[in-house]
C-alpha cells in the first residue's frame, strides 16, 4: 500500500510515518509512506498513491486537499488527533485500510 501523508512538516511527521511503517510491518504488510508539505501535495497526489491522509494541524485546508485527491482518484481523510503520536500506528493503519477499500 502507498500512503501519502500531508502535514505542516517537522519531526512530528516523521513520528507518524515511523508509527505507520512499524504497524504495517507487524501486520506483515508492505507499505510505502511519504510525508509531504502542503505545497507539494497537489502535484504528489497524482503519482499513484493508494490513500492520502491529512495531519490535524492542516485540517483547515482539508477541502482543497480532498478536491485534489478526488481528482486523482485517491481516497483522503484527516487522521484523528490521537493518532498523531508514536503510539498511533494501529489507528493509522486501520484508517489507511478503510480508505483503501
C-alpha atoms as a PDB file:
ATOM      1  CA  UNK A   1       0.000   0.000   0.000  1.00  0.00           C
ATOM      2  CA  UNK A   2       1.183   3.515  -0.780  1.00  0.00           C
ATOM      3  CA  UNK A   3       0.194   6.211   1.728  1.00  0.00           C
ATOM      4  CA  UNK A   4       0.688   9.925   1.132  1.00  0.00           C
ATOM      5  CA  UNK A   5       0.674  11.997   4.329  1.00  0.00           C
ATOM      6  CA  UNK A   6       0.312  15.774   4.116  1.00  0.00           C
ATOM      7  CA  UNK A   7       1.496  17.744   7.115  1.00  0.00           C
ATOM      8  CA  UNK A   8       3.000  21.036   8.163  1.00  0.00           C
ATOM      9  CA  UNK A   9       6.452  19.454   8.367  1.00  0.00           C
ATOM     10  CA  UNK A  10       8.853  18.917  11.214  1.00  0.00           C
ATOM     11  CA  UNK A  11       9.678  15.975  13.440  1.00  0.00           C
ATOM     12  CA  UNK A  12       6.061  15.120  14.185  1.00  0.00           C
ATOM     13  CA  UNK A  13       5.562  13.961  10.590  1.00  0.00           C
ATOM     14  CA  UNK A  14       8.495  11.559  10.994  1.00  0.00           C
ATOM     15  CA  UNK A  15       6.817  10.161  14.115  1.00  0.00           C
ATOM     16  CA  UNK A  16       3.622   9.449  12.160  1.00  0.00           C
ATOM     17  CA  UNK A  17       5.482   7.903   9.218  1.00  0.00           C
ATOM     18  CA  UNK A  18       7.515   5.644  11.519  1.00  0.00           C
ATOM     19  CA  UNK A  19       4.478   4.615  13.580  1.00  0.00           C
ATOM     20  CA  UNK A  20       2.567   3.652  10.427  1.00  0.00           C
ATOM     21  CA  UNK A  21       5.513   1.741   8.943  1.00  0.00           C
ATOM     22  CA  UNK A  22       6.114  -0.197  12.182  1.00  0.00           C
ATOM     23  CA  UNK A  23       2.460  -1.154  12.485  1.00  0.00           C
ATOM     24  CA  UNK A  24       2.314  -2.318   8.860  1.00  0.00           C
ATOM     25  CA  UNK A  25       5.473  -4.358   9.409  1.00  0.00           C
ATOM     26  CA  UNK A  26       3.897  -6.035  12.458  1.00  0.00           C
ATOM     27  CA  UNK A  27       0.861  -6.868  10.305  1.00  0.00           C
ATOM     28  CA  UNK A  28       3.084  -8.314   7.573  1.00  0.00           C
ATOM     29  CA  UNK A  29       2.089  -5.647   5.052  1.00  0.00           C
ATOM     30  CA  UNK A  30       4.286  -3.906   2.543  1.00  0.00           C
ATOM     31  CA  UNK A  31       3.830  -0.175   2.800  1.00  0.00           C
ATOM     32  CA  UNK A  32       5.351   2.970   1.378  1.00  0.00           C
ATOM     33  CA  UNK A  33       4.700   6.192   3.261  1.00  0.00           C
ATOM     34  CA  UNK A  34       5.693   9.657   2.131  1.00  0.00           C
ATOM     35  CA  UNK A  35       5.189  12.819   4.156  1.00  0.00           C
ATOM     36  CA  UNK A  36       4.848  15.960   2.059  1.00  0.00           C
ATOM     37  CA  UNK A  37       4.262  19.590   2.861  1.00  0.00           C
ATOM     38  CA  UNK A  38       1.097  21.412   1.976  1.00  0.00           C
ATOM     39  CA  UNK A  39       2.686  22.968  -1.124  1.00  0.00           C
ATOM     40  CA  UNK A  40       3.767  19.601  -2.570  1.00  0.00           C
ATOM     41  CA  UNK A  41       0.507  17.725  -2.050  1.00  0.00           C
ATOM     42  CA  UNK A  42      -1.324  18.751  -5.240  1.00  0.00           C
ATOM     43  CA  UNK A  43       1.462  17.531  -7.518  1.00  0.00           C
ATOM     44  CA  UNK A  44       2.415  14.436  -5.496  1.00  0.00           C
ATOM     45  CA  UNK A  45      -1.116  13.050  -5.060  1.00  0.00           C
ATOM     46  CA  UNK A  46      -1.200  12.359  -8.809  1.00  0.00           C
ATOM     47  CA  UNK A  47       1.745   9.932  -8.577  1.00  0.00           C
ATOM     48  CA  UNK A  48      -0.094   6.674  -7.923  1.00  0.00           C
ATOM     49  CA  UNK A  49      -0.854   6.774  -4.191  1.00  0.00           C
ATOM     50  CA  UNK A  50      -3.469   4.410  -2.756  1.00  0.00           C
ATOM     51  CA  UNK A  51      -4.632   6.725   0.014  1.00  0.00           C
ATOM     52  CA  UNK A  52      -3.914  10.214   1.336  1.00  0.00           C
ATOM     53  CA  UNK A  53      -4.048  11.248   4.956  1.00  0.00           C
ATOM     54  CA  UNK A  54      -4.084  14.787   6.315  1.00  0.00           C
ATOM     55  CA  UNK A  55      -2.484  15.890   9.596  1.00  0.00           C
ATOM     56  CA  UNK A  56      -4.805  17.511  12.149  1.00  0.00           C
ATOM     57  CA  UNK A  57      -2.684  20.698  12.074  1.00  0.00           C
ATOM     58  CA  UNK A  58      -3.704  21.388   8.469  1.00  0.00           C
ATOM     59  CA  UNK A  59      -7.363  20.358   8.735  1.00  0.00           C
ATOM     60  CA  UNK A  60      -8.396  23.914   7.879  1.00  0.00           C
ATOM     61  CA  UNK A  61      -7.101  23.202   4.347  1.00  0.00           C
ATOM     62  CA  UNK A  62      -8.758  19.783   4.050  1.00  0.00           C
ATOM     63  CA  UNK A  63     -11.304  20.810   1.396  1.00  0.00           C
ATOM     64  CA  UNK A  64      -8.502  21.735  -1.010  1.00  0.00           C
ATOM     65  CA  UNK A  65      -6.581  18.519  -0.307  1.00  0.00           C
ATOM     66  CA  UNK A  66      -9.755  16.474  -0.747  1.00  0.00           C
ATOM     67  CA  UNK A  67     -10.511  18.166  -4.053  1.00  0.00           C
ATOM     68  CA  UNK A  68      -7.013  17.354  -5.394  1.00  0.00           C
ATOM     69  CA  UNK A  69      -7.185  13.788  -4.076  1.00  0.00           C
ATOM     70  CA  UNK A  70     -10.640  13.237  -5.580  1.00  0.00           C
ATOM     71  CA  UNK A  71      -9.383  14.492  -8.956  1.00  0.00           C
ATOM     72  CA  UNK A  72      -6.553  11.941  -8.734  1.00  0.00           C
ATOM     73  CA  UNK A  73      -8.904   9.138  -7.591  1.00  0.00           C
ATOM     74  CA  UNK A  74      -7.195   8.864  -4.192  1.00  0.00           C
ATOM     75  CA  UNK A  75      -9.331   8.452  -1.036  1.00  0.00           C
ATOM     76  CA  UNK A  76      -8.431  11.150   1.501  1.00  0.00           C
ATOM     77  CA  UNK A  77      -9.172  11.688   5.202  1.00  0.00           C
ATOM     78  CA  UNK A  78      -7.929  13.689   8.203  1.00  0.00           C
ATOM     79  CA  UNK A  79      -6.223  11.477  10.770  1.00  0.00           C
ATOM     80  CA  UNK A  80      -7.594  11.555  14.325  1.00  0.00           C
ATOM     81  CA  UNK A  81      -5.517  13.797  16.622  1.00  0.00           C
ATOM     82  CA  UNK A  82      -4.797  10.893  18.998  1.00  0.00           C
ATOM     83  CA  UNK A  83      -3.079   9.023  16.134  1.00  0.00           C
ATOM     84  CA  UNK A  84      -0.515  11.805  15.750  1.00  0.00           C
ATOM     85  CA  UNK A  85       1.941  10.135  18.119  1.00  0.00           C
ATOM     86  CA  UNK A  86       4.475   7.293  18.267  1.00  0.00           C
ATOM     87  CA  UNK A  87       1.648   5.054  19.554  1.00  0.00           C
ATOM     88  CA  UNK A  88      -0.761   5.983  16.749  1.00  0.00           C
ATOM     89  CA  UNK A  89       0.290   3.173  14.404  1.00  0.00           C
ATOM     90  CA  UNK A  90      -2.741   0.915  14.937  1.00  0.00           C
ATOM     91  CA  UNK A  91      -5.190   3.773  14.325  1.00  0.00           C
ATOM     92  CA  UNK A  92      -3.248   4.989  11.291  1.00  0.00           C
ATOM     93  CA  UNK A  93      -3.086   1.533   9.705  1.00  0.00           C
ATOM     94  CA  UNK A  94      -6.770   0.931  10.354  1.00  0.00           C
ATOM     95  CA  UNK A  95      -7.648   4.254   8.697  1.00  0.00           C
ATOM     96  CA  UNK A  96      -5.385   3.526   5.697  1.00  0.00           C
ATOM     97  CA  UNK A  97      -7.011   0.102   5.225  1.00  0.00           C
ATOM     98  CA  UNK A  98     -10.510   1.561   5.485  1.00  0.00           C
ATOM     99  CA  UNK A  99      -9.708   4.267   2.944  1.00  0.00           C
ATOM    100  CA  UNK A 100      -8.261   1.746   0.502  1.00  0.00           C
ATOM    101  CA  UNK A 101     -11.443  -0.357   0.393  1.00  0.00           C
END
